[in-house]
Amino acid sequence: IMSTNTSELASKDFAQQCFNLLADIKRSMPKTWKTAIQPYKDEIATTSKENGLNTTDALLTIINKLNTDKLELSILKIKHLFFLAAYCDML
């Protein structure tokens, strides 16, 4: 019998995805990963402060905005990756 409900499972998957993406960035950019994700951390922090949101809601606000911008899919995926990794590093 599974003891977690769908929303708990989704949040665990989300957390695991963020953790994995941060680990991937650290592996692929061992010396520069902190510098690479800093602008994304700054944007999350600014969005949080300006809108009175916690970091999770700030991240979701940014992701939702990105999804409605007319970006190429490859650029969108990279932005998602870096924002999720930055978010994980902020936790």
PDB file of N, CA and C in Angstrom:
ATOM      1  N   ILE A   1       0.854  -1.189   0.000  1.00  0.00           N
ATOM      2  CA  ILE A   1       0.000   0.000   0.000  1.00  0.00           C
ATOM      3  C   ILE A   1       0.888   1.237   0.000  1.00  0.00           C
ATOM      4  N   MET A   2       0.604   2.133  -0.943  1.00  0.00           N
ATOM      5  CA  MET A   2       1.391   3.358  -1.024  1.00  0.00           C
ATOM      6  C   MET A   2       0.865   4.361  -0.007  1.00  0.00           C
ATOM      7  N   SER A   3       1.781   4.938   0.773  1.00  0.00           N
ATOM      8  CA  SER A   3       1.366   5.831   1.852  1.00  0.00           C
ATOM      9  C   SER A   3       1.380   7.303   1.458  1.00  0.00           C
ATOM     10  N   THR A   4       1.884   7.613   0.270  1.00  0.00           N
ATOM     11  CA  THR A   4       1.924   9.019  -0.143  1.00  0.00           C
ATOM     12  C   THR A   4       0.797   9.321  -1.119  1.00  0.00           C
ATOM     13  N   ASN A   5       0.240  10.517  -1.000  1.00  0.00           N
ATOM     14  CA  ASN A   5      -0.784  10.913  -1.968  1.00  0.00           C
ATOM     15  C   ASN A   5      -0.106  11.542  -3.184  1.00  0.00           C
ATOM     16  N   THR A   6      -0.879  11.846  -4.191  1.00  0.00           N
ATOM     17  CA  THR A   6      -0.338  12.336  -5.456  1.00  0.00           C
ATOM     18  C   THR A   6       0.444  13.632  -5.294  1.00  0.00           C
ATOM     19  N   SER A   7      -0.061  14.576  -4.491  1.00  0.00           N
ATOM     20  CA  SER A   7       0.651  15.850  -4.350  1.00  0.00           C
ATOM     21  C   SER A   7       1.977  15.669  -3.609  1.00  0.00           C
ATOM     22  N   GLU A   8       2.014  14.759  -2.614  1.00  0.00           N
ATOM     23  CA  GLU A   8       3.277  14.479  -1.934  1.00  0.00           C
ATOM     24  C   GLU A   8       4.272  13.851  -2.890  1.00  0.00           C
ATOM     25  N   LEU A   9       3.787  12.930  -3.694  1.00  0.00           N
ATOM     26  CA  LEU A   9       4.644  12.270  -4.664  1.00  0.00           C
ATOM     27  C   LEU A   9       5.168  13.268  -5.683  1.00  0.00           C
ATOM     28  N   ALA A  10       4.310  14.149  -6.153  1.00  0.00           N
ATOM     29  CA  ALA A  10       4.731  15.162  -7.115  1.00  0.00           C
ATOM     30  C   ALA A  10       5.782  16.076  -6.507  1.00  0.00           C
ATOM     31  N   SER A  11       5.620  16.463  -5.250  1.00  0.00           N
ATOM     32  CA  SER A  11       6.595  17.352  -4.625  1.00  0.00           C
ATOM     33  C   SER A  11       7.915  16.631  -4.394  1.00  0.00           C
ATOM     34  N   LYS A  12       7.860  15.341  -4.067  1.00  0.00           N
ATOM     35  CA  LYS A  12       9.097  14.567  -3.926  1.00  0.00           C
ATOM     36  C   LYS A  12       9.810  14.479  -5.274  1.00  0.00           C
ATOM     37  N   ASP A  13       9.059  14.233  -6.336  1.00  0.00           N
ATOM     38  CA  ASP A  13       9.646  14.172  -7.673  1.00  0.00           C
ATOM     39  C   ASP A  13      10.270  15.515  -8.048  1.00  0.00           C
ATOM     40  N   PHE A  14       9.588  16.598  -7.717  1.00  0.00           N
ATOM     41  CA  PHE A  14      10.088  17.938  -8.002  1.00  0.00           C
ATOM     42  C   PHE A  14      11.390  18.185  -7.245  1.00  0.00           C
ATOM     43  N   ALA A  15      11.391  17.856  -5.962  1.00  0.00           N
ATOM     44  CA  ALA A  15      12.591  18.049  -5.147  1.00  0.00           C
ATOM     45  C   ALA A  15      13.748  17.207  -5.678  1.00  0.00           C
ATOM     46  N   GLN A  16      13.461  15.966  -6.040  1.00  0.00           N
ATOM     47  CA  GLN A  16      14.502  15.085  -6.576  1.00  0.00           C
ATOM     48  C   GLN A  16      15.038  15.629  -7.895  1.00  0.00           C
ATOM     49  N   GLN A  17      14.157  16.143  -8.740  1.00  0.00           N
ATOM     50  CA  GLN A  17      14.579  16.711 -10.016  1.00  0.00           C
ATOM     51  C   GLN A  17      15.491  17.918  -9.784  1.00  0.00           C
ATOM     52  N   CYS A  18      15.121  18.796  -8.864  1.00  0.00           N
ATOM     53  CA  CYS A  18      15.952  19.969  -8.554  1.00  0.00           C
ATOM     54  C   CYS A  18      17.323  19.538  -8.058  1.00  0.00           C
ATOM     55  N   PHE A  19      17.337  18.560  -7.157  1.00  0.00           N
ATOM     56  CA  PHE A  19      18.593  18.052  -6.603  1.00  0.00           C
ATOM     57  C   PHE A  19      19.465  17.448  -7.702  1.00  0.00           C
ATOM     58  N   ASN A  20      18.861  16.652  -8.583  1.00  0.00           N
ATOM     59  CA  ASN A  20      19.611  16.019  -9.675  1.00  0.00           C
ATOM     60  C   ASN A  20      20.186  17.051 -10.637  1.00  0.00           C
ATOM     61  N   LEU A  21      19.397  18.088 -10.946  1.00  0.00           N
ATOM     62  CA  LEU A  21      19.883  19.116 -11.866  1.00  0.00           C
ATOM     63  C   LEU A  21      21.047  19.884 -11.267  1.00  0.00           C
ATOM     64  N   LEU A  22      20.977  20.197  -9.984  1.00  0.00           N
ATOM     65  CA  LEU A  22      22.087  20.882  -9.336  1.00  0.00           C
ATOM     66  C   LEU A  22      23.332  19.992  -9.351  1.00  0.00           C
ATOM     67  N   ALA A  23      23.162  18.714  -9.073  1.00  0.00           N
ATOM     68  CA  ALA A  23      24.293  17.776  -9.107  1.00  0.00           C
ATOM     69  C   ALA A  23      24.889  17.702 -10.516  1.00  0.00           C
ATOM     70  N   ASP A  24      24.047  17.696 -11.544  1.00  0.00           N
ATOM     71  CA  ASP A  24      24.521  17.667 -12.933  1.00  0.00           C
ATOM     72  C   ASP A  24      25.355  18.909 -13.251  1.00  0.00           C
ATOM     73  N   ILE A  25      24.881  20.067 -12.814  1.00  0.00           N
ATOM     74  CA  ILE A  25      25.604  21.307 -13.073  1.00  0.00           C
ATOM     75  C   ILE A  25      26.941  21.306 -12.333  1.00  0.00           C
ATOM     76  N   LYS A  26      26.934  20.840 -11.095  1.00  0.00           N
ATOM     77  CA  LYS A  26      28.184  20.780 -10.321  1.00  0.00           C
ATOM     78  C   LYS A  26      29.199  19.858 -10.998  1.00  0.00           C
ATOM     79  N   ARG A  27      28.718  18.739 -11.551  1.00  0.00           N
ATOM     80  CA  ARG A  27      29.613  17.799 -12.237  1.00  0.00           C
ATOM     81  C   ARG A  27      30.142  18.384 -13.538  1.00  0.00           C
ATOM     82  N   SER A  28      29.276  19.050 -14.289  1.00  0.00           N
ATOM     83  CA  SER A  28      29.689  19.549 -15.602  1.00  0.00           C
ATOM     84  C   SER A  28      30.450  20.877 -15.528  1.00  0.00           C
ATOM     85  N   MET A  29      30.285  21.597 -14.433  1.00  0.00           N
ATOM     86  CA  MET A  29      30.963  22.893 -14.266  1.00  0.00           C
ATOM     87  C   MET A  29      31.590  22.951 -12.871  1.00  0.00           C
ATOM     88  N   PRO A  30      32.542  22.069 -12.562  1.00  0.00           N
ATOM     89  CA  PRO A  30      33.015  21.940 -11.188  1.00  0.00           C
ATOM     90  C   PRO A  30      33.581  23.226 -10.583  1.00  0.00           C
ATOM     91  N   LYS A  31      34.201  24.069 -11.387  1.00  0.00           N
ATOM     92  CA  LYS A  31      34.817  25.282 -10.846  1.00  0.00           C
ATOM     93  C   LYS A  31      33.931  26.513 -10.956  1.00  0.00           C
ATOM     94  N   THR A  32      32.958  26.481 -11.861  1.00  0.00           N
ATOM     95  CA  THR A  32      32.193  27.702 -12.153  1.00  0.00           C
ATOM     96  C   THR A  32      30.705  27.595 -11.866  1.00  0.00           C
ATOM     97  N   TRP A  33      30.261  26.485 -11.288  1.00  0.00           N
ATOM     98  CA  TRP A  33      28.815  26.286 -11.113  1.00  0.00           C
ATOM     99  C   TRP A  33      28.187  27.366 -10.252  1.00  0.00           C
ATOM    100  N   LYS A  34      28.865  27.820  -9.201  1.00  0.00           N
ATOM    101  CA  LYS A  34      28.268  28.841  -8.323  1.00  0.00           C
ATOM    102  C   LYS A  34      28.042  30.144  -9.085  1.00  0.00           C
ATOM    103  N   THR A  35      29.025  30.517  -9.899  1.00  0.00           N
ATOM    104  CA  THR A  35      28.898  31.726 -10.716  1.00  0.00           C
ATOM    105  C   THR A  35      27.801  31.561 -11.758  1.00  0.00           C
ATOM    106  N   ALA A  36      27.705  30.374 -12.324  1.00  0.00           N
ATOM    107  CA  ALA A  36      26.723  30.112 -13.387  1.00  0.00           C
ATOM    108  C   ALA A  36      25.284  30.222 -12.887  1.00  0.00           C
ATOM    109  N   ILE A  37      25.038  29.762 -11.652  1.00  0.00           N
ATOM    110  CA  ILE A  37      23.646  29.788 -11.166  1.00  0.00           C
ATOM    111  C   ILE A  37      23.303  31.068 -10.398  1.00  0.00           C
ATOM    112  N   GLN A  38      24.301  31.888 -10.082  1.00  0.00           N
ATOM    113  CA  GLN A  38      24.038  33.077  -9.269  1.00  0.00           C
ATOM    114  C   GLN A  38      22.984  34.018  -9.866  1.00  0.00           C
ATOM    115  N   PRO A  39      23.036  34.324 -11.172  1.00  0.00           N
ATOM    116  CA  PRO A  39      21.992  35.211 -11.725  1.00  0.00           C
ATOM    117  C   PRO A  39      20.583  34.648 -11.550  1.00  0.00           C
ATOM    118  N   TYR A  40      20.454  33.335 -11.592  1.00  0.00           N
ATOM    119  CA  TYR A  40      19.153  32.688 -11.430  1.00  0.00           C
ATOM    120  C   TYR A  40      18.704  32.772  -9.967  1.00  0.00           C
ATOM    121  N   LYS A  41      19.644  32.590  -9.047  1.00  0.00           N
ATOM    122  CA  LYS A  41      19.340  32.747  -7.623  1.00  0.00           C
ATOM    123  C   LYS A  41      18.911  34.186  -7.339  1.00  0.00           C
ATOM    124  N   ASP A  42      19.628  35.138  -7.961  1.00  0.00           N
ATOM    125  CA  ASP A  42      19.295  36.553  -7.776  1.00  0.00           C
ATOM    126  C   ASP A  42      17.884  36.856  -8.269  1.00  0.00           C
ATOM    127  N   GLU A  43      17.533  36.307  -9.428  1.00  0.00           N
ATOM    128  CA  GLU A  43      16.189  36.555  -9.975  1.00  0.00           C
ATOM    129  C   GLU A  43      15.107  35.949  -9.089  1.00  0.00           C
ATOM    130  N   ILE A  44      15.359  34.757  -8.567  1.00  0.00           N
ATOM    131  CA  ILE A  44      14.392  34.140  -7.652  1.00  0.00           C
ATOM    132  C   ILE A  44      14.237  35.010  -6.407  1.00  0.00           C
ATOM    133  N   ALA A  45      15.357  35.453  -5.834  1.00  0.00           N
ATOM    134  CA  ALA A  45      15.325  36.276  -4.624  1.00  0.00           C
ATOM    135  C   ALA A  45      14.614  37.606  -4.873  1.00  0.00           C
ATOM    136  N   THR A  46      14.893  38.232  -6.015  1.00  0.00           N
ATOM    137  CA  THR A  46      14.261  39.509  -6.357  1.00  0.00           C
ATOM    138  C   THR A  46      12.758  39.334  -6.548  1.00  0.00           C
ATOM    139  N   THR A  47      12.369  38.300  -7.274  1.00  0.00           N
ATOM    140  CA  THR A  47      10.945  38.023  -7.493  1.00  0.00           C
ATOM    141  C   THR A  47      10.246  37.764  -6.160  1.00  0.00           C
ATOM    142  N   SER A  48      10.912  37.034  -5.297  1.00  0.00           N
ATOM    143  CA  SER A  48      10.365  36.743  -3.972  1.00  0.00           C
ATOM    144  C   SER A  48      10.142  38.024  -3.185  1.00  0.00           C
ATOM    145  N   LYS A  49      11.158  38.871  -3.140  1.00  0.00           N
ATOM    146  CA  LYS A  49      11.088  40.105  -2.364  1.00  0.00           C
ATOM    147  C   LYS A  49      10.057  41.077  -2.940  1.00  0.00           C
ATOM    148  N   GLU A  50      10.100  41.285  -4.245  1.00  0.00           N
ATOM    149  CA  GLU A  50       9.218  42.263  -4.894  1.00  0.00           C
ATOM    150  C   GLU A  50       7.742  41.873  -4.810  1.00  0.00           C
ATOM    151  N   ASN A  51       7.467  40.576  -4.774  1.00  0.00           N
ATOM    152  CA  ASN A  51       6.083  40.104  -4.790  1.00  0.00           C
ATOM    153  C   ASN A  51       5.617  39.520  -3.459  1.00  0.00           C
ATOM    154  N   GLY A  52       6.471  39.576  -2.449  1.00  0.00           N
ATOM    155  CA  GLY A  52       6.113  39.030  -1.140  1.00  0.00           C
ATOM    156  C   GLY A  52       5.838  37.539  -1.176  1.00  0.00           C
ATOM    157  N   LEU A  53       6.646  36.817  -1.938  1.00  0.00           N
ATOM    158  CA  LEU A  53       6.452  35.376  -2.118  1.00  0.00           C
ATOM    159  C   LEU A  53       7.582  34.602  -1.453  1.00  0.00           C
ATOM    160  N   ASN A  54       7.302  33.356  -1.078  1.00  0.00           N
ATOM    161  CA  ASN A  54       8.408  32.496  -0.647  1.00  0.00           C
ATOM    162  C   ASN A  54       9.178  32.065  -1.898  1.00  0.00           C
ATOM    163  N   THR A  55      10.345  31.438  -1.707  1.00  0.00           N
ATOM    164  CA  THR A  55      11.179  31.102  -2.866  1.00  0.00           C
ATOM    165  C   THR A  55      10.494  30.113  -3.809  1.00  0.00           C
ATOM    166  N   THR A  56       9.700  29.194  -3.255  1.00  0.00           N
ATOM    167  CA  THR A  56       9.003  28.228  -4.107  1.00  0.00           C
ATOM    168  C   THR A  56       8.006  28.938  -5.020  1.00  0.00           C
ATOM    169  N   ASP A  57       7.200  29.829  -4.455  1.00  0.00           N
ATOM    170  CA  ASP A  57       6.226  30.561  -5.269  1.00  0.00           C
ATOM    171  C   ASP A  57       6.907  31.514  -6.242  1.00  0.00           C
ATOM    172  N   ALA A  58       8.033  32.078  -5.828  1.00  0.00           N
ATOM    173  CA  ALA A  58       8.789  32.948  -6.737  1.00  0.00           C
ATOM    174  C   ALA A  58       9.298  32.137  -7.926  1.00  0.00           C
ATOM    175  N   LEU A  59       9.830  30.952  -7.655  1.00  0.00           N
ATOM    176  CA  LEU A  59      10.301  30.081  -8.735  1.00  0.00           C
ATOM    177  C   LEU A  59       9.159  29.737  -9.680  1.00  0.00           C
ATOM    178  N   LEU A  60       8.020  29.350  -9.130  1.00  0.00           N
ATOM    179  CA  LEU A  60       6.878  28.988  -9.971  1.00  0.00           C
ATOM    180  C   LEU A  60       6.399  30.170 -10.802  1.00  0.00           C
ATOM    181  N   THR A  61       6.443  31.368 -10.236  1.00  0.00           N
ATOM    182  CA  THR A  61       6.080  32.579 -10.978  1.00  0.00           C
ATOM    183  C   THR A  61       7.015  32.771 -12.169  1.00  0.00           C
ATOM    184  N   ILE A  62       8.309  32.612 -11.928  1.00  0.00           N
ATOM    185  CA  ILE A  62       9.304  32.766 -12.996  1.00  0.00           C
ATOM    186  C   ILE A  62       9.103  31.706 -14.078  1.00  0.00           C
ATOM    187  N   ILE A  63       8.929  30.452 -13.662  1.00  0.00           N
ATOM    188  CA  ILE A  63       8.751  29.349 -14.620  1.00  0.00           C
ATOM    189  C   ILE A  63       7.489  29.575 -15.457  1.00  0.00           C
ATOM    190  N   ASN A  64       6.407  29.985 -14.811  1.00  0.00           N
ATOM    191  CA  ASN A  64       5.166  30.253 -15.555  1.00  0.00           C
ATOM    192  C   ASN A  64       5.355  31.366 -16.568  1.00  0.00           C
ATOM    193  N   LYS A  65       6.093  32.412 -16.190  1.00  0.00           N
ATOM    194  CA  LYS A  65       6.365  33.510 -17.124  1.00  0.00           C
ATOM    195  C   LYS A  65       7.221  33.021 -18.288  1.00  0.00           C
ATOM    196  N   LEU A  66       8.259  32.241 -17.984  1.00  0.00           N
ATOM    197  CA  LEU A  66       9.109  31.691 -19.048  1.00  0.00           C
ATOM    198  C   LEU A  66       8.292  30.872 -20.032  1.00  0.00           C
ATOM    199  N   ASN A  67       7.364  30.092 -19.496  1.00  0.00           N
ATOM    200  CA  ASN A  67       6.556  29.216 -20.342  1.00  0.00           C
ATOM    201  C   ASN A  67       5.644  29.988 -21.288  1.00  0.00           C
ATOM    202  N   THR A  68       5.319  31.235 -20.931  1.00  0.00           N
ATOM    203  CA  THR A  68       4.461  32.035 -21.806  1.00  0.00           C
ATOM    204  C   THR A  68       5.271  32.947 -22.722  1.00  0.00           C
ATOM    205  N   ASP A  69       6.573  33.123 -22.419  1.00  0.00           N
ATOM    206  CA  ASP A  69       7.436  33.879 -23.334  1.00  0.00           C
ATOM    207  C   ASP A  69       7.637  33.048 -24.594  1.00  0.00           C
ATOM    208  N   LYS A  70       7.879  33.712 -25.678  1.00  0.00           N
ATOM    209  CA  LYS A  70       8.063  33.011 -26.949  1.00  0.00           C
ATOM    210  C   LYS A  70       9.536  32.615 -27.128  1.00  0.00           C
ATOM    211  N   LEU A  71       9.974  31.662 -26.305  1.00  0.00           N
ATOM    212  CA  LEU A  71      11.360  31.207 -26.357  1.00  0.00           C
ATOM    213  C   LEU A  71      11.465  29.920 -27.160  1.00  0.00           C
ATOM    214  N   GLU A  72      12.639  29.716 -27.770  1.00  0.00           N
ATOM    215  CA  GLU A  72      12.898  28.430 -28.408  1.00  0.00           C
ATOM    216  C   GLU A  72      12.900  27.366 -27.324  1.00  0.00           C
ATOM    217  N   LEU A  73      12.458  26.176 -27.662  1.00  0.00           N
ATOM    218  CA  LEU A  73      12.364  25.093 -26.688  1.00  0.00           C
ATOM    219  C   LEU A  73      13.716  24.798 -26.034  1.00  0.00           C
ATOM    220  N   SER A  74      14.788  24.822 -26.810  1.00  0.00           N
ATOM    221  CA  SER A  74      16.111  24.528 -26.246  1.00  0.00           C
ATOM    222  C   SER A  74      16.509  25.573 -25.203  1.00  0.00           C
ATOM    223  N   ILE A  75      16.208  26.826 -25.457  1.00  0.00           N
ATOM    224  CA  ILE A  75      16.510  27.901 -24.502  1.00  0.00           C
ATOM    225  C   ILE A  75      15.636  27.760 -23.263  1.00  0.00           C
ATOM    226  N   LEU A  76      14.379  27.454 -23.470  1.00  0.00           N
ATOM    227  CA  LEU A  76      13.450  27.272 -22.355  1.00  0.00           C
ATOM    228  C   LEU A  76      13.927  26.148 -21.436  1.00  0.00           C
ATOM    229  N   LYS A  77      14.361  25.040 -22.014  1.00  0.00           N
ATOM    230  CA  LYS A  77      14.834  23.903 -21.224  1.00  0.00           C
ATOM    231  C   LYS A  77      16.064  24.280 -20.401  1.00  0.00           C
ATOM    232  N   ILE A  78      16.983  25.018 -21.004  1.00  0.00           N
ATOM    233  CA  ILE A  78      18.194  25.436 -20.290  1.00  0.00           C
ATOM    234  C   ILE A  78      17.841  26.379 -19.144  1.00  0.00           C
ATOM    235  N   LYS A  79      16.942  27.317 -19.403  1.00  0.00           N
ATOM    236  CA  LYS A  79      16.520  28.240 -18.339  1.00  0.00           C
ATOM    237  C   LYS A  79      15.851  27.473 -17.203  1.00  0.00           C
ATOM    238  N   HIS A  80      14.986  26.537 -17.530  1.00  0.00           N
ATOM    239  CA  HIS A  80      14.348  25.709 -16.502  1.00  0.00           C
ATOM    240  C   HIS A  80      15.412  24.995 -15.676  1.00  0.00           C
ATOM    241  N   LEU A  81      16.366  24.361 -16.352  1.00  0.00           N
ATOM    242  CA  LEU A  81      17.420  23.618 -15.681  1.00  0.00           C
ATOM    243  C   LEU A  81      18.155  24.509 -14.683  1.00  0.00           C
ATOM    244  N   PHE A  82      18.585  25.683 -15.128  1.00  0.00           N
ATOM    245  CA  PHE A  82      19.353  26.562 -14.254  1.00  0.00           C
ATOM    246  C   PHE A  82      18.509  27.138 -13.121  1.00  0.00           C
ATOM    247  N   PHE A  83      17.259  27.480 -13.389  1.00  0.00           N
ATOM    248  CA  PHE A  83      16.399  27.987 -12.316  1.00  0.00           C
ATOM    249  C   PHE A  83      16.144  26.909 -11.262  1.00  0.00           C
ATOM    250  N   LEU A  84      15.900  25.679 -11.682  1.00  0.00           N
ATOM    251  CA  LEU A  84      15.640  24.605 -10.726  1.00  0.00           C
ATOM    252  C   LEU A  84      16.892  24.290  -9.911  1.00  0.00           C
ATOM    253  N   ALA A  85      18.052  24.302 -10.556  1.00  0.00           N
ATOM    254  CA  ALA A  85      19.303  24.069  -9.831  1.00  0.00           C
ATOM    255  C   ALA A  85      19.569  25.205  -8.841  1.00  0.00           C
ATOM    256  N   ALA A  86      19.325  26.436  -9.260  1.00  0.00           N
ATOM    257  CA  ALA A  86      19.523  27.590  -8.377  1.00  0.00           C
ATOM    258  C   ALA A  86      18.593  27.499  -7.181  1.00  0.00           C
ATOM    259  N   TYR A  87      17.359  27.142  -7.435  1.00  0.00           N
ATOM    260  CA  TYR A  87      16.364  26.987  -6.356  1.00  0.00           C
ATOM    261  C   TYR A  87      16.857  25.947  -5.340  1.00  0.00           C
ATOM    262  N   CYS A  88      17.341  24.817  -5.822  1.00  0.00           N
ATOM    263  CA  CYS A  88      17.824  23.772  -4.935  1.00  0.00           C
ATOM    264  C   CYS A  88      18.964  24.289  -4.077  1.00  0.00           C
ATOM    265  N   ASP A  89      19.859  25.056  -4.668  1.00  0.00           N
ATOM    266  CA  ASP A  89      20.998  25.594  -3.915  1.00  0.00           C
ATOM    267  C   ASP A  89      20.572  26.609  -2.875  1.00  0.00           C
ATOM    268  N   MET A  90      19.401  27.209  -3.060  1.00  0.00           N
ATOM    269  CA  MET A  90      18.881  28.195  -2.111  1.00  0.00           C
ATOM    270  C   MET A  90      18.221  27.546  -0.898  1.00  0.00           C
ATOM    271  N   LEU A  91      17.875  26.293  -1.024  1.00  0.00           N
ATOM    272  CA  LEU A  91      17.153  25.613   0.072  1.00  0.00           C
ATOM    273  C   LEU A  91      18.094  25.236   1.206  1.00  0.00           C
TER     274      LEU A  91
END
